[in-house]
Amino acid sequence: MAAHKQNHETTADRGSEKANIAPATTFSPSGAPHQTAGIDIEHPAVDNDPRKDTTLDQNRIDFNDPSLSEEEAVVENLKKQG
């Protein structure tokens, strides 16, 4: 008689299945993707207003240019600072 492997879910397996969240098709001015993950945004562990009390400088997007070396990127960013 052949042994049959049974598929038993363990505590470590729970929640490890792939999330079926559609990719974003729009983005906010901050660069954040507009996606719905089905979570309670009022839950105490969720920061539902991460940009509260931040400055304009803190919210500027810094896209790295992969065609530049790290040193070149620093030089270019310093030039942009004035």
C-alpha atoms as a PDB file:
ATOM      1  CA  MET A   1       0.000   0.000   0.000  1.00  0.00           C
ATOM      2  CA  ALA A   2       1.397   3.379  -0.988  1.00  0.00           C
ATOM      3  CA  ALA A   3       1.478   6.151   1.566  1.00  0.00           C
ATOM      4  CA  HIS A   4      -0.579   9.193   0.645  1.00  0.00           C
ATOM      5  CA  LYS A   5       0.704  12.619   1.548  1.00  0.00           C
ATOM      6  CA  GLN A   6      -1.952  14.630   3.283  1.00  0.00           C
ATOM      7  CA  ASN A   7      -2.046  18.380   2.955  1.00  0.00           C
ATOM      8  CA  HIS A   8      -2.407  19.725   6.471  1.00  0.00           C
ATOM      9  CA  GLU A   9      -2.358  23.461   6.973  1.00  0.00           C
ATOM     10  CA  THR A  10      -0.100  24.568   9.827  1.00  0.00           C
ATOM     11  CA  THR A  11      -0.139  27.843  11.711  1.00  0.00           C
ATOM     12  CA  ALA A  12       2.931  28.939   9.725  1.00  0.00           C
ATOM     13  CA  ASP A  13       1.070  28.305   6.446  1.00  0.00           C
ATOM     14  CA  ARG A  14      -1.914  30.504   7.252  1.00  0.00           C
ATOM     15  CA  GLY A  15      -1.838  33.738   5.316  1.00  0.00           C
ATOM     16  CA  SER A  16       1.044  32.611   3.117  1.00  0.00           C
ATOM     17  CA  GLU A  17      -1.090  32.251   0.016  1.00  0.00           C
ATOM     18  CA  LYS A  18      -0.519  34.796  -2.757  1.00  0.00           C
ATOM     19  CA  ALA A  19      -2.525  37.996  -2.452  1.00  0.00           C
ATOM     20  CA  ASN A  20      -4.771  38.614  -5.413  1.00  0.00           C
ATOM     21  CA  ILE A  21      -4.424  42.405  -5.528  1.00  0.00           C
ATOM     22  CA  ALA A  22      -4.807  44.019  -8.920  1.00  0.00           C
ATOM     23  CA  PRO A  23      -1.861  46.175 -10.016  1.00  0.00           C
ATOM     24  CA  ALA A  24      -2.260  49.919  -9.759  1.00  0.00           C
ATOM     25  CA  THR A  25      -3.311  51.773 -12.880  1.00  0.00           C
ATOM     26  CA  THR A  26      -3.274  55.244 -11.314  1.00  0.00           C
ATOM     27  CA  PHE A  27      -0.943  56.991  -8.900  1.00  0.00           C
ATOM     28  CA  SER A  28      -1.338  59.884  -6.506  1.00  0.00           C
ATOM     29  CA  PRO A  29       0.871  62.978  -6.909  1.00  0.00           C
ATOM     30  CA  SER A  30       3.080  61.548  -4.152  1.00  0.00           C
ATOM     31  CA  GLY A  31       3.826  58.522  -6.331  1.00  0.00           C
ATOM     32  CA  ALA A  32       1.799  56.141  -4.182  1.00  0.00           C
ATOM     33  CA  PRO A  33      -0.074  53.537  -6.218  1.00  0.00           C
ATOM     34  CA  HIS A  34      -3.860  53.482  -5.956  1.00  0.00           C
ATOM     35  CA  GLN A  35      -4.559  49.908  -4.912  1.00  0.00           C
ATOM     36  CA  THR A  36      -7.138  48.211  -2.732  1.00  0.00           C
ATOM     37  CA  ALA A  37      -5.800  45.568  -0.390  1.00  0.00           C
ATOM     38  CA  GLY A  38      -8.989  44.999   1.589  1.00  0.00           C
ATOM     39  CA  ILE A  39      -7.672  46.126   4.967  1.00  0.00           C
ATOM     40  CA  ASP A  40      -9.311  48.142   7.715  1.00  0.00           C
ATOM     41  CA  ILE A  41      -7.563  51.509   7.436  1.00  0.00           C
ATOM     42  CA  GLU A  42      -8.993  52.555  10.794  1.00  0.00           C
ATOM     43  CA  HIS A  43      -7.154  49.724  12.591  1.00  0.00           C
ATOM     44  CA  PRO A  44      -4.715  51.125  15.196  1.00  0.00           C
ATOM     45  CA  ALA A  45      -1.766  49.322  13.572  1.00  0.00           C
ATOM     46  CA  VAL A  46      -2.371  51.043  10.210  1.00  0.00           C
ATOM     47  CA  ASP A  47      -1.020  54.512   9.511  1.00  0.00           C
ATOM     48  CA  ASN A  48      -3.875  55.814   7.389  1.00  0.00           C
ATOM     49  CA  ASP A  49      -2.383  59.311   7.059  1.00  0.00           C
ATOM     50  CA  PRO A  50       1.374  58.801   6.646  1.00  0.00           C
ATOM     51  CA  ARG A  51       1.987  62.268   5.226  1.00  0.00           C
ATOM     52  CA  LYS A  52       0.272  64.161   8.058  1.00  0.00           C
ATOM     53  CA  ASP A  53       2.397  67.052   9.304  1.00  0.00           C
ATOM     54  CA  THR A  54       5.139  66.518   6.694  1.00  0.00           C
ATOM     55  CA  THR A  55       6.748  69.247   4.601  1.00  0.00           C
ATOM     56  CA  LEU A  56       6.891  69.659   0.832  1.00  0.00           C
ATOM     57  CA  ASP A  57      10.597  68.716   0.873  1.00  0.00           C
ATOM     58  CA  GLN A  58       9.813  65.489   2.717  1.00  0.00           C
ATOM     59  CA  ASN A  59       7.293  64.546   0.049  1.00  0.00           C
ATOM     60  CA  ARG A  60       9.357  65.147  -3.063  1.00  0.00           C
ATOM     61  CA  ILE A  61       9.847  62.039  -5.158  1.00  0.00           C
ATOM     62  CA  ASP A  62      13.446  60.971  -5.752  1.00  0.00           C
ATOM     63  CA  PHE A  63      13.607  58.653  -8.741  1.00  0.00           C
ATOM     64  CA  ASN A  64      17.023  57.115  -9.188  1.00  0.00           C
ATOM     65  CA  ASP A  65      18.372  57.041 -12.726  1.00  0.00           C
ATOM     66  CA  PRO A  66      19.830  53.567 -13.316  1.00  0.00           C
ATOM     67  CA  SER A  67      22.002  54.918 -16.131  1.00  0.00           C
ATOM     68  CA  LEU A  68      24.060  56.956 -13.624  1.00  0.00           C
ATOM     69  CA  SER A  69      26.609  55.666 -11.161  1.00  0.00           C
ATOM     70  CA  GLU A  70      25.946  56.433  -7.498  1.00  0.00           C
ATOM     71  CA  GLU A  71      28.571  59.185  -7.594  1.00  0.00           C
ATOM     72  CA  GLU A  72      27.085  60.727 -10.747  1.00  0.00           C
ATOM     73  CA  ALA A  73      23.606  60.632  -9.208  1.00  0.00           C
ATOM     74  CA  VAL A  74      24.840  62.473  -6.101  1.00  0.00           C
ATOM     75  CA  VAL A  75      26.512  65.152  -8.245  1.00  0.00           C
ATOM     76  CA  GLU A  76      23.344  65.615 -10.327  1.00  0.00           C
ATOM     77  CA  ASN A  77      21.115  65.808  -7.240  1.00  0.00           C
ATOM     78  CA  LEU A  78      23.415  68.350  -5.608  1.00  0.00           C
ATOM     79  CA  LYS A  79      23.244  70.502  -8.761  1.00  0.00           C
ATOM     80  CA  LYS A  80      19.444  70.443  -8.551  1.00  0.00           C
ATOM     81  CA  GLN A  81      19.547  71.682  -4.943  1.00  0.00           C
ATOM     82  CA  GLY A  82      20.947  74.993  -6.140  1.00  0.00           C
END
